[in-house]
C-alpha atoms as a PDB file:
ATOM      1  CA  MET A   1     -77.245  15.054   2.073  1.00  0.00           C
ATOM      2  CA  LEU A   2     -75.199  15.518  -1.078  1.00  0.00           C
ATOM      3  CA  ALA A   3     -75.847  18.462  -3.402  1.00  0.00           C
ATOM      4  CA  ALA A   4     -76.502  18.003  -7.104  1.00  0.00           C
ATOM      5  CA  PRO A   5     -73.609  18.327  -9.321  1.00  0.00           C
ATOM      6  CA  VAL A   6     -73.146  21.680 -10.830  1.00  0.00           C
ATOM      7  CA  LEU A   7     -71.604  22.483 -14.271  1.00  0.00           C
ATOM      8  CA  ILE A   8     -71.370  25.791 -15.939  1.00  0.00           C
ATOM      9  CA  ALA A   9     -72.072  25.494 -19.677  1.00  0.00           C
ATOM     10  CA  SER A  10     -72.684  27.876 -22.604  1.00  0.00           C
ATOM     11  CA  ALA A  11     -74.693  27.105 -25.794  1.00  0.00           C
ATOM     12  CA  ALA A  12     -73.222  30.103 -27.309  1.00  0.00           C
ATOM     13  CA  THR A  13     -69.638  29.166 -26.939  1.00  0.00           C
ATOM     14  CA  GLY A  14     -69.962  25.407 -26.505  1.00  0.00           C
ATOM     15  CA  GLU A  15     -68.075  25.577 -23.366  1.00  0.00           C
ATOM     16  CA  ASN A  16     -68.456  22.439 -21.298  1.00  0.00           C
ATOM     17  CA  VAL A  17     -71.211  21.049 -23.495  1.00  0.00           C
ATOM     18  CA  VAL A  18     -69.529  17.599 -23.795  1.00  0.00           C
ATOM     19  CA  GLN A  19     -68.912  17.518 -20.095  1.00  0.00           C
ATOM     20  CA  LEU A  20     -72.572  18.338 -19.485  1.00  0.00           C
ATOM     21  CA  PHE A  21     -73.698  15.349 -21.464  1.00  0.00           C
ATOM     22  CA  ASP A  22     -71.036  13.136 -19.735  1.00  0.00           C
ATOM     23  CA  LEU A  23     -72.529  14.411 -16.306  1.00  0.00           C
ATOM     24  CA  ILE A  24     -76.058  13.498 -17.538  1.00  0.00           C
ATOM     25  CA  ALA A  25     -74.880   9.934 -18.352  1.00  0.00           C
ATOM     26  CA  ASP A  26     -73.170   9.649 -15.024  1.00  0.00           C
ATOM     27  CA  VAL A  27     -76.502  10.505 -13.341  1.00  0.00           C
ATOM     28  CA  GLN A  28     -78.392   8.093 -15.535  1.00  0.00           C
ATOM     29  CA  ARG A  29     -75.961   5.335 -14.780  1.00  0.00           C
ATOM     30  CA  ALA A  30     -76.305   6.003 -11.042  1.00  0.00           C
ATOM     31  CA  SER A  31     -80.062   5.762 -11.313  1.00  0.00           C
ATOM     32  CA  ASP A  32     -79.667   2.248 -12.586  1.00  0.00           C
ATOM     33  CA  VAL A  33     -77.676   1.049  -9.406  1.00  0.00           C
ATOM     34  CA  ARG A  34     -79.541  -1.121  -7.070  1.00  0.00           C
ATOM     35  CA  ILE A  35     -78.442  -2.104  -3.473  1.00  0.00           C
ATOM     36  CA  GLY A  36     -79.385  -5.843  -2.959  1.00  0.00           C
ATOM     37  CA  THR A  37     -82.111  -6.412  -0.337  1.00  0.00           C
ATOM     38  CA  GLY A  38     -79.774  -8.389   2.033  1.00  0.00           C
ATOM     39  CA  ALA A  39     -76.987  -5.628   1.880  1.00  0.00           C
ATOM     40  CA  LEU A  40     -79.833  -2.908   2.376  1.00  0.00           C
ATOM     41  CA  ASN A  41     -81.312  -4.738   5.354  1.00  0.00           C
ATOM     42  CA  ARG A  42     -77.766  -5.146   7.054  1.00  0.00           C
ATOM     43  CA  LEU A  43     -76.933  -1.531   6.445  1.00  0.00           C
ATOM     44  CA  LEU A  44     -80.189  -0.212   7.921  1.00  0.00           C
ATOM     45  CA  ARG A  45     -79.976  -2.561  10.782  1.00  0.00           C
ATOM     46  CA  ALA A  46     -76.484  -1.280  11.572  1.00  0.00           C
ATOM     47  CA  ALA A  47     -77.797   2.278  11.138  1.00  0.00           C
ATOM     48  CA  PHE A  48     -80.640   1.676  13.597  1.00  0.00           C
ATOM     49  CA  GLU A  49     -78.380   0.023  16.107  1.00  0.00           C
ATOM     50  CA  THR A  50     -75.709   2.872  15.952  1.00  0.00           C
ATOM     51  CA  ASN A  51     -78.146   5.614  16.165  1.00  0.00           C
ATOM     52  CA  PRO A  52     -81.918   4.330  17.380  1.00  0.00           C
ATOM     53  CA  PRO A  53     -84.685   6.464  16.170  1.00  0.00           C
ATOM     54  CA  PRO A  54     -86.045   8.992  18.692  1.00  0.00           C
ATOM     55  CA  THR A  55     -88.964   7.984  20.776  1.00  0.00           C
ATOM     56  CA  ILE A  56     -92.195   9.750  19.909  1.00  0.00           C
ATOM     57  CA  GLY A  57     -94.504   9.596  22.838  1.00  0.00           C
ATOM     58  CA  THR A  58     -94.019   6.184  24.212  1.00  0.00           C
ATOM     59  CA  ARG A  59     -93.388   4.834  20.700  1.00  0.00           C
ATOM     60  CA  ARG A  60     -90.287   4.193  18.754  1.00  0.00           C
ATOM     61  CA  LEU A  61     -89.892   3.406  15.061  1.00  0.00           C
ATOM     62  CA  LYS A  62     -89.052  -0.431  14.481  1.00  0.00           C
ATOM     63  CA  LEU A  63     -87.591  -1.684  11.246  1.00  0.00           C
ATOM     64  CA  PHE A  64     -88.694  -4.956  10.189  1.00  0.00           C
ATOM     65  CA  TYR A  65     -87.177  -5.032   6.560  1.00  0.00           C
ATOM     66  CA  ALA A  66     -86.609  -2.837   3.596  1.00  0.00           C
ATOM     67  CA  ALA A  67     -86.383  -3.256  -0.194  1.00  0.00           C
ATOM     68  CA  GLN A  68     -85.395  -0.956  -3.079  1.00  0.00           C
ATOM     69  CA  SER A  69     -88.301  -0.719  -5.499  1.00  0.00           C
ATOM     70  CA  LYS A  70     -87.907  -1.205  -9.136  1.00  0.00           C
ATOM     71  CA  GLY A  71     -87.546   1.904 -11.418  1.00  0.00           C
ATOM     72  CA  ASP A  72     -90.292   3.274 -13.509  1.00  0.00           C
ATOM     73  CA  ALA A  73     -89.771   1.890 -17.170  1.00  0.00           C
ATOM     74  CA  GLU A  74     -91.073   5.140 -18.754  1.00  0.00           C
ATOM     75  CA  HIS A  75     -88.487   7.308 -17.298  1.00  0.00           C
ATOM     76  CA  ALA A  76     -84.871   7.238 -18.385  1.00  0.00           C
ATOM     77  CA  ILE A  77     -83.617   8.627 -14.996  1.00  0.00           C
ATOM     78  CA  ASP A  78     -85.422   7.456 -12.037  1.00  0.00           C
ATOM     79  CA  PRO A  79     -84.496   8.315  -8.416  1.00  0.00           C
ATOM     80  CA  PRO A  80     -83.709   5.279  -6.175  1.00  0.00           C
ATOM     81  CA  LYS A  81     -86.830   4.459  -3.880  1.00  0.00           C
ATOM     82  CA  PHE A  82     -86.575   2.571  -0.833  1.00  0.00           C
ATOM     83  CA  ILE A  83     -89.559   1.032   1.143  1.00  0.00           C
ATOM     84  CA  LEU A  84     -89.221   0.528   4.715  1.00  0.00           C
ATOM     85  CA  PHE A  85     -91.594  -1.917   6.516  1.00  0.00           C
ATOM     86  CA  VAL A  86     -91.968  -0.525   9.897  1.00  0.00           C
ATOM     87  CA  ASN A  87     -94.303  -0.804  12.977  1.00  0.00           C
ATOM     88  CA  GLN A  88     -95.835   2.680  12.523  1.00  0.00           C
ATOM     89  CA  PRO A  89     -94.795   4.722   9.364  1.00  0.00           C
ATOM     90  CA  LYS A  90     -95.709   8.057  11.090  1.00  0.00           C
ATOM     91  CA  LEU A  91     -92.962   7.498  13.633  1.00  0.00           C
ATOM     92  CA  LEU A  92     -90.265   8.164  10.891  1.00  0.00           C
ATOM     93  CA  SER A  93     -89.266  11.780  11.784  1.00  0.00           C
ATOM     94  CA  GLU A  94     -87.783  14.119   8.884  1.00  0.00           C
ATOM     95  CA  GLY A  95     -84.455  14.141  10.697  1.00  0.00           C
ATOM     96  CA  TYR A  96     -84.142  10.395  11.079  1.00  0.00           C
ATOM     97  CA  GLY A  97     -85.154   9.938   7.313  1.00  0.00           C
ATOM     98  CA  ARG A  98     -82.247  12.242   6.434  1.00  0.00           C
ATOM     99  CA  TYR A  99     -79.969  10.185   8.675  1.00  0.00           C
ATOM    100  CA  ILE A 100     -81.108   7.013   6.838  1.00  0.00           C
ATOM    101  CA  GLU A 101     -80.580   8.697   3.511  1.00  0.00           C
ATOM    102  CA  GLY A 102     -77.025   9.771   4.517  1.00  0.00           C
ATOM    103  CA  ARG A 103     -76.365   6.119   5.677  1.00  0.00           C
ATOM    104  CA  ILE A 104     -77.489   4.770   2.111  1.00  0.00           C
ATOM    105  CA  ARG A 105     -75.280   7.387   0.410  1.00  0.00           C
ATOM    106  CA  GLN A 106     -72.254   6.229   2.198  1.00  0.00           C
ATOM    107  CA  VAL A 107     -72.596   2.917   0.462  1.00  0.00           C
ATOM    108  CA  GLU A 108     -74.212   4.165  -2.944  1.00  0.00           C
ATOM    109  CA  PRO A 109     -73.849   8.032  -3.457  1.00  0.00           C
ATOM    110  CA  TYR A 110     -76.402   8.407  -6.156  1.00  0.00           C
ATOM    111  CA  PRO A 111     -75.043  11.595  -7.417  1.00  0.00           C
ATOM    112  CA  GLY A 112     -77.492  14.177  -8.741  1.00  0.00           C
ATOM    113  CA  LEU A 113     -80.401  12.069  -7.481  1.00  0.00           C
ATOM    114  CA  PRO A 114     -82.820  12.352  -4.563  1.00  0.00           C
ATOM    115  CA  ILE A 115     -83.285   9.285  -2.427  1.00  0.00           C
ATOM    116  CA  LEU A 116     -87.098   8.554  -1.873  1.00  0.00           C
ATOM    117  CA  LEU A 117     -88.022   6.848   1.306  1.00  0.00           C
ATOM    118  CA  THR A 118     -91.436   5.322   1.990  1.00  0.00           C
ATOM    119  CA  CYS A 119     -92.599   3.800   5.100  1.00  0.00           C
ATOM    120  CA  ARG A 120     -95.172   1.012   5.160  1.00  0.00           C
ATOM    121  CA  PRO A 121     -96.718  -0.897   7.975  1.00  0.00           C
ATOM    122  CA  ARG A 122     -95.936  -4.526   8.005  1.00  0.00           C
ATOM    123  CA  SER A 123     -98.815  -6.428   6.747  1.00  0.00           C
ATOM    124  CA  GLN A 124    -100.681  -8.316   9.499  1.00  0.00           C
ATOM    125  CA  LYS A 125    -101.323 -12.116   8.794  1.00  0.00           C
ATOM    126  CA  GLU A 126    -104.877 -13.064   9.189  1.00  0.00           C
ATOM    127  CA  GLY A 127    -105.711 -16.173  11.107  1.00  0.00           C
END
């Protein structure tokens, strides 16, 4: 997990104020970056193959597909949100979630932003 950028600034002296606004602009630009669905799914499949999720009881988390959700129009800076469609959402452990976040950050660092992961069960087709 990457730490948020840190910048020491002073309103009294004006030290690093310009750099502060440059840093805010960088974070805002990063919040607009999207990973395409195909690339995201290839990335996550490779991550699952390289390091499979732990077995919990007799069950293991299975990824069916993933997508990045669109940002919220009312916020200027919106953290990247990824939806994982899986067999059982409760099987995503905190540690494995951090692993997935790390793999996403290898492709797109999203500096200064948290990465939000949401698991949803794959919808069952009726009939």
